[in-house]
Amino acid sequence: MAIAQVLPALVDKPYLQAASVNCDASTTASPDQGFSPP
């Protein structure tokens, strides 16, 4: 539930459109964008 609620904000899409995001390796944010793995 927490993941589902935070996903739309992370992908900058409305809640109902967030499910269509392609999460393969080509769309993974790079370190220079401020993301880092846990």
PDB file of all heavy atoms in Angstrom:
ATOM      1  N   MET A   1       0.825  -1.203   0.000  1.00  0.00           N
ATOM      2  CA  MET A   1       0.000   0.000   0.000  1.00  0.00           C
ATOM      3  C   MET A   1       0.863   1.258   0.000  1.00  0.00           C
ATOM      4  O   MET A   1       0.581   2.224  -0.723  1.00  0.00           O
ATOM      5  CB  MET A   1      -0.935   0.015   1.207  1.00  0.00           C
ATOM      6  CG  MET A   1      -1.854   1.225   1.248  1.00  0.00           C
ATOM      7  SD  MET A   1      -2.970   1.311  -0.173  1.00  0.00           S
ATOM      8  CE  MET A   1      -4.123   0.010   0.253  1.00  0.00           C
ATOM      9  N   ALA A   2       1.935   1.260   0.787  1.00  0.00           N
ATOM     10  CA  ALA A   2       2.824   2.418   0.833  1.00  0.00           C
ATOM     11  C   ALA A   2       3.506   2.623  -0.518  1.00  0.00           C
ATOM     12  O   ALA A   2       3.670   3.753  -0.983  1.00  0.00           O
ATOM     13  CB  ALA A   2       3.862   2.252   1.938  1.00  0.00           C
ATOM     14  N   ILE A   3       3.903   1.530  -1.162  1.00  0.00           N
ATOM     15  CA  ILE A   3       4.534   1.607  -2.488  1.00  0.00           C
ATOM     16  C   ILE A   3       3.551   2.176  -3.499  1.00  0.00           C
ATOM     17  O   ILE A   3       3.882   3.051  -4.303  1.00  0.00           O
ATOM     18  CB  ILE A   3       5.040   0.223  -2.927  1.00  0.00           C
ATOM     19  CG1 ILE A   3       6.170  -0.243  -2.003  1.00  0.00           C
ATOM     20  CG2 ILE A   3       5.510   0.252  -4.380  1.00  0.00           C
ATOM     21  CD1 ILE A   3       6.567  -1.696  -2.202  1.00  0.00           C
ATOM     22  N   ALA A   4       2.310   1.676  -3.461  1.00  0.00           N
ATOM     23  CA  ALA A   4       1.284   2.136  -4.404  1.00  0.00           C
ATOM     24  C   ALA A   4       0.994   3.624  -4.230  1.00  0.00           C
ATOM     25  O   ALA A   4       0.717   4.324  -5.209  1.00  0.00           O
ATOM     26  CB  ALA A   4       0.003   1.324  -4.215  1.00  0.00           C
ATOM     27  N   GLN A   5       1.074   4.118  -3.010  1.00  0.00           N
ATOM     28  CA  GLN A   5       0.772   5.529  -2.770  1.00  0.00           C
ATOM     29  C   GLN A   5       1.910   6.454  -3.178  1.00  0.00           C
ATOM     30  O   GLN A   5       1.676   7.588  -3.582  1.00  0.00           O
ATOM     31  CB  GLN A   5       0.433   5.736  -1.294  1.00  0.00           C
ATOM     32  CG  GLN A   5      -0.910   5.128  -0.914  1.00  0.00           C
ATOM     33  CD  GLN A   5      -1.203   5.242   0.563  1.00  0.00           C
ATOM     34  OE1 GLN A   5      -0.309   5.450   1.378  1.00  0.00           O
ATOM     35  NE2 GLN A   5      -2.461   5.092   0.927  1.00  0.00           N
ATOM     36  N   VAL A   6       3.143   5.965  -3.076  1.00  0.00           N
ATOM     37  CA  VAL A   6       4.272   6.830  -3.389  1.00  0.00           C
ATOM     38  C   VAL A   6       4.645   6.785  -4.871  1.00  0.00           C
ATOM     39  O   VAL A   6       5.249   7.718  -5.399  1.00  0.00           O
ATOM     40  CB  VAL A   6       5.492   6.469  -2.507  1.00  0.00           C
ATOM     41  CG1 VAL A   6       6.216   5.243  -3.014  1.00  0.00           C
ATOM     42  CG2 VAL A   6       6.436   7.644  -2.379  1.00  0.00           C
ATOM     43  N   LEU A   7       4.266   5.712  -5.575  1.00  0.00           N
ATOM     44  CA  LEU A   7       4.649   5.548  -6.978  1.00  0.00           C
ATOM     45  C   LEU A   7       4.196   6.698  -7.887  1.00  0.00           C
ATOM     46  O   LEU A   7       5.001   7.200  -8.678  1.00  0.00           O
ATOM     47  CB  LEU A   7       4.126   4.204  -7.510  1.00  0.00           C
ATOM     48  CG  LEU A   7       4.422   3.897  -8.978  1.00  0.00           C
ATOM     49  CD1 LEU A   7       5.927   3.826  -9.215  1.00  0.00           C
ATOM     50  CD2 LEU A   7       3.753   2.599  -9.407  1.00  0.00           C
ATOM     51  N   PRO A   8       2.942   7.141  -7.829  1.00  0.00           N
ATOM     52  CA  PRO A   8       2.533   8.227  -8.737  1.00  0.00           C
ATOM     53  C   PRO A   8       3.394   9.483  -8.608  1.00  0.00           C
ATOM     54  O   PRO A   8       3.738  10.099  -9.611  1.00  0.00           O
ATOM     55  CB  PRO A   8       1.083   8.505  -8.308  1.00  0.00           C
ATOM     56  CG  PRO A   8       0.619   7.220  -7.709  1.00  0.00           C
ATOM     57  CD  PRO A   8       1.822   6.666  -7.004  1.00  0.00           C
ATOM     58  N   ALA A   9       3.745   9.837  -7.381  1.00  0.00           N
ATOM     59  CA  ALA A   9       4.573  11.033  -7.194  1.00  0.00           C
ATOM     60  C   ALA A   9       5.965  10.823  -7.763  1.00  0.00           C
ATOM     61  O   ALA A   9       6.554  11.739  -8.348  1.00  0.00           O
ATOM     62  CB  ALA A   9       4.662  11.379  -5.707  1.00  0.00           C
ATOM     63  N   LEU A  10       6.509   9.616  -7.627  1.00  0.00           N
ATOM     64  CA  LEU A  10       7.861   9.340  -8.122  1.00  0.00           C
ATOM     65  C   LEU A  10       7.944   9.367  -9.641  1.00  0.00           C
ATOM     66  O   LEU A  10       8.960   9.758 -10.208  1.00  0.00           O
ATOM     67  CB  LEU A  10       8.341   7.983  -7.602  1.00  0.00           C
ATOM     68  CG  LEU A  10       8.671   7.906  -6.113  1.00  0.00           C
ATOM     69  CD1 LEU A  10       9.015   6.481  -5.719  1.00  0.00           C
ATOM     70  CD2 LEU A  10       9.811   8.846  -5.763  1.00  0.00           C
ATOM     71  N   VAL A  11       6.885   8.923 -10.308  1.00  0.00           N
ATOM     72  CA  VAL A  11       6.907   8.887 -11.774  1.00  0.00           C
ATOM     73  C   VAL A  11       6.203  10.086 -12.391  1.00  0.00           C
ATOM     74  O   VAL A  11       6.071  10.176 -13.607  1.00  0.00           O
ATOM     75  CB  VAL A  11       6.294   7.569 -12.309  1.00  0.00           C
ATOM     76  CG1 VAL A  11       7.109   6.373 -11.838  1.00  0.00           C
ATOM     77  CG2 VAL A  11       4.840   7.429 -11.906  1.00  0.00           C
ATOM     78  N   ASP A  12       5.720  11.010 -11.524  1.00  0.00           N
ATOM     79  CA  ASP A  12       5.081  12.250 -11.976  1.00  0.00           C
ATOM     80  C   ASP A  12       3.901  11.967 -12.899  1.00  0.00           C
ATOM     81  O   ASP A  12       3.772  12.549 -13.974  1.00  0.00           O
ATOM     82  CB  ASP A  12       6.104  13.161 -12.664  1.00  0.00           C
ATOM     83  CG  ASP A  12       5.568  14.579 -12.814  1.00  0.00           C
ATOM     84  OD1 ASP A  12       4.705  14.967 -12.004  1.00  0.00           O
ATOM     85  OD2 ASP A  12       6.000  15.293 -13.745  1.00  0.00           O
ATOM     86  N   LYS A  13       3.061  11.014 -12.467  1.00  0.00           N
ATOM     87  CA  LYS A  13       1.864  10.673 -13.237  1.00  0.00           C
ATOM     88  C   LYS A  13       0.673  10.584 -12.292  1.00  0.00           C
ATOM     89  O   LYS A  13       0.844  10.294 -11.107  1.00  0.00           O
ATOM     90  CB  LYS A  13       2.033   9.329 -13.947  1.00  0.00           C
ATOM     91  CG  LYS A  13       2.963   9.357 -15.154  1.00  0.00           C
ATOM     92  CD  LYS A  13       3.030   7.976 -15.794  1.00  0.00           C
ATOM     93  CE  LYS A  13       3.897   7.995 -17.038  1.00  0.00           C
ATOM     94  NZ  LYS A  13       3.265   8.714 -18.144  1.00  0.00           N
ATOM     95  N   PRO A  14      -0.532  10.822 -12.792  1.00  0.00           N
ATOM     96  CA  PRO A  14      -1.711  10.610 -11.950  1.00  0.00           C
ATOM     97  C   PRO A  14      -1.781   9.149 -11.504  1.00  0.00           C
ATOM     98  O   PRO A  14      -1.239   8.256 -12.163  1.00  0.00           O
ATOM     99  CB  PRO A  14      -2.884  10.954 -12.879  1.00  0.00           C
ATOM    100  CG  PRO A  14      -2.283  11.823 -13.940  1.00  0.00           C
ATOM    101  CD  PRO A  14      -0.867  11.354 -14.113  1.00  0.00           C
ATOM    102  N   TYR A  15      -2.489   8.928 -10.435  1.00  0.00           N
ATOM    103  CA  TYR A  15      -2.549   7.594  -9.824  1.00  0.00           C
ATOM    104  C   TYR A  15      -2.945   6.514 -10.835  1.00  0.00           C
ATOM    105  O   TYR A  15      -2.324   5.459 -10.896  1.00  0.00           O
ATOM    106  CB  TYR A  15      -3.540   7.621  -8.664  1.00  0.00           C
ATOM    107  CG  TYR A  15      -3.470   6.403  -7.782  1.00  0.00           C
ATOM    108  CD1 TYR A  15      -2.535   6.339  -6.752  1.00  0.00           C
ATOM    109  CD2 TYR A  15      -4.323   5.324  -7.966  1.00  0.00           C
ATOM    110  CE1 TYR A  15      -2.451   5.227  -5.937  1.00  0.00           C
ATOM    111  CE2 TYR A  15      -4.247   4.213  -7.152  1.00  0.00           C
ATOM    112  CZ  TYR A  15      -3.311   4.170  -6.135  1.00  0.00           C
ATOM    113  OH  TYR A  15      -3.227   3.067  -5.335  1.00  0.00           O
ATOM    114  N   LEU A  16      -3.974   6.756 -11.637  1.00  0.00           N
ATOM    115  CA  LEU A  16      -4.477   5.730 -12.549  1.00  0.00           C
ATOM    116  C   LEU A  16      -3.535   5.465 -13.720  1.00  0.00           C
ATOM    117  O   LEU A  16      -3.607   4.418 -14.352  1.00  0.00           O
ATOM    118  CB  LEU A  16      -5.862   6.114 -13.064  1.00  0.00           C
ATOM    119  CG  LEU A  16      -6.968   6.143 -12.002  1.00  0.00           C
ATOM    120  CD1 LEU A  16      -8.287   6.628 -12.597  1.00  0.00           C
ATOM    121  CD2 LEU A  16      -7.144   4.754 -11.381  1.00  0.00           C
ATOM    122  N   GLN A  17      -2.642   6.407 -14.028  1.00  0.00           N
ATOM    123  CA  GLN A  17      -1.712   6.222 -15.142  1.00  0.00           C
ATOM    124  C   GLN A  17      -0.376   5.639 -14.694  1.00  0.00           C
ATOM    125  O   GLN A  17       0.421   5.198 -15.516  1.00  0.00           O
ATOM    126  CB  GLN A  17      -1.466   7.549 -15.858  1.00  0.00           C
ATOM    127  CG  GLN A  17      -2.705   8.092 -16.550  1.00  0.00           C
ATOM    128  CD  GLN A  17      -2.439   9.425 -17.211  1.00  0.00           C
ATOM    129  OE1 GLN A  17      -1.301   9.876 -17.292  1.00  0.00           O
ATOM    130  NE2 GLN A  17      -3.492  10.072 -17.686  1.00  0.00           N
ATOM    131  N   ALA A  18      -0.122   5.633 -13.392  1.00  0.00           N
ATOM    132  CA  ALA A  18       1.169   5.161 -12.890  1.00  0.00           C
ATOM    133  C   ALA A  18       1.399   3.688 -13.186  1.00  0.00           C
ATOM    134  O   ALA A  18       2.530   3.241 -13.338  1.00  0.00           O
ATOM    135  CB  ALA A  18       1.267   5.410 -11.387  1.00  0.00           C
ATOM    136  N   ALA A  19       0.322   2.907 -13.304  1.00  0.00           N
ATOM    137  CA  ALA A  19       0.449   1.476 -13.561  1.00  0.00           C
ATOM    138  C   ALA A  19       1.019   1.179 -14.944  1.00  0.00           C
ATOM    139  O   ALA A  19       1.538   0.086 -15.190  1.00  0.00           O
ATOM    140  CB  ALA A  19      -0.904   0.790 -13.409  1.00  0.00           C
ATOM    141  N   SER A  20       0.951   2.147 -15.859  1.00  0.00           N
ATOM    142  CA  SER A  20       1.435   1.911 -17.220  1.00  0.00           C
ATOM    143  C   SER A  20       2.920   2.207 -17.388  1.00  0.00           C
ATOM    144  O   SER A  20       3.466   2.059 -18.468  1.00  0.00           O
ATOM    145  CB  SER A  20       0.648   2.786 -18.202  1.00  0.00           C
ATOM    146  OG  SER A  20       0.890   4.165 -17.933  1.00  0.00           O
ATOM    147  N   VAL A  21       3.604   2.589 -16.321  1.00  0.00           N
ATOM    148  CA  VAL A  21       5.027   2.917 -16.405  1.00  0.00           C
ATOM    149  C   VAL A  21       5.839   1.650 -16.674  1.00  0.00           C
ATOM    150  O   VAL A  21       5.627   0.613 -16.046  1.00  0.00           O
ATOM    151  CB  VAL A  21       5.510   3.578 -15.097  1.00  0.00           C
ATOM    152  CG1 VAL A  21       7.018   3.777 -15.109  1.00  0.00           C
ATOM    153  CG2 VAL A  21       4.816   4.907 -14.912  1.00  0.00           C
ATOM    154  N   ASN A  22       6.778   1.752 -17.620  1.00  0.00           N
ATOM    155  CA  ASN A  22       7.657   0.630 -17.937  1.00  0.00           C
ATOM    156  C   ASN A  22       8.844   0.666 -16.987  1.00  0.00           C
ATOM    157  O   ASN A  22       9.626   1.603 -16.995  1.00  0.00           O
ATOM    158  CB  ASN A  22       8.128   0.738 -19.398  1.00  0.00           C
ATOM    159  CG  ASN A  22       9.020  -0.425 -19.800  1.00  0.00           C
ATOM    160  OD1 ASN A  22       9.246  -1.339 -19.008  1.00  0.00           O
ATOM    161  ND2 ASN A  22       9.506  -0.396 -21.029  1.00  0.00           N
ATOM    162  N   CYS A  23       8.969  -0.365 -16.151  1.00  0.00           N
ATOM    163  CA  CYS A  23      10.004  -0.362 -15.115  1.00  0.00           C
ATOM    164  C   CYS A  23      11.194  -1.245 -15.469  1.00  0.00           C
ATOM    165  O   CYS A  23      11.835  -1.806 -14.584  1.00  0.00           O
ATOM    166  CB  CYS A  23       9.402  -0.825 -13.782  1.00  0.00           C
ATOM    167  SG  CYS A  23       8.165   0.303 -13.135  1.00  0.00           S
ATOM    168  N   ASP A  24      11.513  -1.373 -16.748  1.00  0.00           N
ATOM    169  CA  ASP A  24      12.681  -2.179 -17.097  1.00  0.00           C
ATOM    170  C   ASP A  24      13.952  -1.385 -16.851  1.00  0.00           C
ATOM    171  O   ASP A  24      13.921  -0.234 -16.429  1.00  0.00           O
ATOM    172  CB  ASP A  24      12.617  -2.669 -18.550  1.00  0.00           C
ATOM    173  CG  ASP A  24      12.602  -1.521 -19.561  1.00  0.00           C
ATOM    174  OD1 ASP A  24      13.012  -0.402 -19.191  1.00  0.00           O
ATOM    175  OD2 ASP A  24      12.191  -1.742 -20.714  1.00  0.00           O
ATOM    176  N   ALA A  25      15.102  -1.987 -17.108  1.00  0.00           N
ATOM    177  CA  ALA A  25      16.388  -1.363 -16.776  1.00  0.00           C
ATOM    178  C   ALA A  25      16.597  -0.040 -17.484  1.00  0.00           C
ATOM    179  O   ALA A  25      17.276   0.844 -16.977  1.00  0.00           O
ATOM    180  CB  ALA A  25      17.521  -2.325 -17.122  1.00  0.00           C
ATOM    181  N   SER A  26      16.014   0.124 -18.684  1.00  0.00           N
ATOM    182  CA  SER A  26      16.243   1.348 -19.441  1.00  0.00           C
ATOM    183  C   SER A  26      15.589   2.561 -18.803  1.00  0.00           C
ATOM    184  O   SER A  26      15.938   3.683 -19.107  1.00  0.00           O
ATOM    185  CB  SER A  26      15.716   1.183 -20.878  1.00  0.00           C
ATOM    186  OG  SER A  26      14.310   1.007 -20.855  1.00  0.00           O
ATOM    187  N   THR A  27      14.606   2.343 -17.910  1.00  0.00           N
ATOM    188  CA  THR A  27      13.936   3.486 -17.296  1.00  0.00           C
ATOM    189  C   THR A  27      14.381   3.726 -15.870  1.00  0.00           C
ATOM    190  O   THR A  27      13.881   4.600 -15.205  1.00  0.00           O
ATOM    191  CB  THR A  27      12.405   3.268 -17.295  1.00  0.00           C
ATOM    192  OG1 THR A  27      12.115   2.085 -16.542  1.00  0.00           O
ATOM    193  CG2 THR A  27      11.865   3.140 -18.704  1.00  0.00           C
ATOM    194  N   THR A  28      15.330   2.910 -15.401  1.00  0.00           N
ATOM    195  CA  THR A  28      15.802   3.085 -14.031  1.00  0.00           C
ATOM    196  C   THR A  28      16.595   4.380 -13.922  1.00  0.00           C
ATOM    197  O   THR A  28      17.428   4.683 -14.767  1.00  0.00           O
ATOM    198  CB  THR A  28      16.699   1.902 -13.622  1.00  0.00           C
ATOM    199  OG1 THR A  28      15.948   0.710 -13.756  1.00  0.00           O
ATOM    200  CG2 THR A  28      17.173   2.061 -12.187  1.00  0.00           C
ATOM    201  N   ALA A  29      16.317   5.131 -12.896  1.00  0.00           N
ATOM    202  CA  ALA A  29      17.008   6.417 -12.712  1.00  0.00           C
ATOM    203  C   ALA A  29      18.481   6.185 -12.437  1.00  0.00           C
ATOM    204  O   ALA A  29      18.866   5.238 -11.767  1.00  0.00           O
ATOM    205  CB  ALA A  29      16.377   7.176 -11.557  1.00  0.00           C
ATOM    206  N   SER A  30      19.299   7.057 -12.955  1.00  0.00           N
ATOM    207  CA  SER A  30      20.739   6.935 -12.777  1.00  0.00           C
ATOM    208  C   SER A  30      21.160   7.633 -11.497  1.00  0.00           C
ATOM    209  O   SER A  30      20.446   8.496 -10.984  1.00  0.00           O
ATOM    210  CB  SER A  30      21.461   7.560 -13.973  1.00  0.00           C
ATOM    211  OG  SER A  30      21.127   8.925 -14.081  1.00  0.00           O
ATOM    212  N   PRO A  31      22.358   7.298 -10.966  1.00  0.00           N
ATOM    213  CA  PRO A  31      22.817   7.910  -9.718  1.00  0.00           C
ATOM    214  C   PRO A  31      22.896   9.421  -9.771  1.00  0.00           C
ATOM    215  O   PRO A  31      22.700  10.076  -8.763  1.00  0.00           O
ATOM    216  CB  PRO A  31      24.206   7.286  -9.521  1.00  0.00           C
ATOM    217  CG  PRO A  31      24.138   5.979 -10.238  1.00  0.00           C
ATOM    218  CD  PRO A  31      23.249   6.248 -11.429  1.00  0.00           C
ATOM    219  N   ASP A  32      23.178   9.992 -10.967  1.00  0.00           N
ATOM    220  CA  ASP A  32      23.316  11.432 -11.033  1.00  0.00           C
ATOM    221  C   ASP A  32      21.973  12.149 -10.887  1.00  0.00           C
ATOM    222  O   ASP A  32      21.913  13.358 -10.777  1.00  0.00           O
ATOM    223  CB  ASP A  32      24.012  11.871 -12.335  1.00  0.00           C
ATOM    224  CG  ASP A  32      23.220  11.473 -13.576  1.00  0.00           C
ATOM    225  OD1 ASP A  32      22.343  10.600 -13.471  1.00  0.00           O
ATOM    226  OD2 ASP A  32      23.504  12.045 -14.646  1.00  0.00           O
ATOM    227  N   GLN A  33      20.869  11.381 -10.876  1.00  0.00           N
ATOM    228  CA  GLN A  33      19.563  11.978 -10.671  1.00  0.00           C
ATOM    229  C   GLN A  33      19.173  11.979  -9.192  1.00  0.00           C
ATOM    230  O   GLN A  33      18.070  12.356  -8.841  1.00  0.00           O
ATOM    231  CB  GLN A  33      18.500  11.206 -11.466  1.00  0.00           C
ATOM    232  CG  GLN A  33      18.644  11.393 -12.972  1.00  0.00           C
ATOM    233  CD  GLN A  33      17.646  10.530 -13.711  1.00  0.00           C
ATOM    234  OE1 GLN A  33      17.817   9.324 -13.794  1.00  0.00           O
ATOM    235  NE2 GLN A  33      16.617  11.143 -14.252  1.00  0.00           N
ATOM    236  N   GLY A  34      20.089  11.528  -8.353  1.00  0.00           N
ATOM    237  CA  GLY A  34      19.817  11.574  -6.929  1.00  0.00           C
ATOM    238  C   GLY A  34      19.283  10.287  -6.346  1.00  0.00           C
ATOM    239  O   GLY A  34      18.973  10.208  -5.185  1.00  0.00           O
ATOM    240  N   PHE A  35      19.153   9.238  -7.164  1.00  0.00           N
ATOM    241  CA  PHE A  35      18.660   7.967  -6.678  1.00  0.00           C
ATOM    242  C   PHE A  35      19.833   7.096  -6.279  1.00  0.00           C
ATOM    243  O   PHE A  35      20.884   7.145  -6.883  1.00  0.00           O
ATOM    244  CB  PHE A  35      17.860   7.221  -7.767  1.00  0.00           C
ATOM    245  CG  PHE A  35      16.569   7.896  -8.118  1.00  0.00           C
ATOM    246  CD1 PHE A  35      16.554   8.981  -8.977  1.00  0.00           C
ATOM    247  CD2 PHE A  35      15.375   7.452  -7.593  1.00  0.00           C
ATOM    248  CE1 PHE A  35      15.368   9.601  -9.315  1.00  0.00           C
ATOM    249  CE2 PHE A  35      14.185   8.065  -7.931  1.00  0.00           C
ATOM    250  CZ  PHE A  35      14.187   9.146  -8.794  1.00  0.00           C
ATOM    251  N   SER A  36      19.634   6.286  -5.256  1.00  0.00           N
ATOM    252  CA  SER A  36      20.664   5.320  -4.892  1.00  0.00           C
ATOM    253  C   SER A  36      19.978   4.091  -4.338  1.00  0.00           C
ATOM    254  O   SER A  36      18.940   4.202  -3.675  1.00  0.00           O
ATOM    255  CB  SER A  36      21.622   5.905  -3.845  1.00  0.00           C
ATOM    256  OG  SER A  36      20.908   6.268  -2.693  1.00  0.00           O
ATOM    257  N   PRO A  37      20.514   2.913  -4.634  1.00  0.00           N
ATOM    258  CA  PRO A  37      19.890   1.700  -4.125  1.00  0.00           C
ATOM    259  C   PRO A  37      20.011   1.628  -2.618  1.00  0.00           C
ATOM    260  O   PRO A  37      20.899   2.232  -2.036  1.00  0.00           O
ATOM    261  CB  PRO A  37      20.702   0.583  -4.802  1.00  0.00           C
ATOM    262  CG  PRO A  37      22.025   1.207  -5.089  1.00  0.00           C
ATOM    263  CD  PRO A  37      21.749   2.650  -5.381  1.00  0.00           C
ATOM    264  N   PRO A  38      19.083   0.902  -1.966  1.00  0.00           N
ATOM    265  CA  PRO A  38      19.189   0.768  -0.508  1.00  0.00           C
ATOM    266  C   PRO A  38      20.450   0.029  -0.128  1.00  0.00           C
ATOM    267  O   PRO A  38      20.917  -0.829  -0.872  1.00  0.00           O
ATOM    268  CB  PRO A  38      17.943  -0.057  -0.143  1.00  0.00           C
ATOM    269  CG  PRO A  38      17.540  -0.738  -1.400  1.00  0.00           C
ATOM    270  CD  PRO A  38      17.952   0.163  -2.515  1.00  0.00           C
TER     271      PRO A  38
END
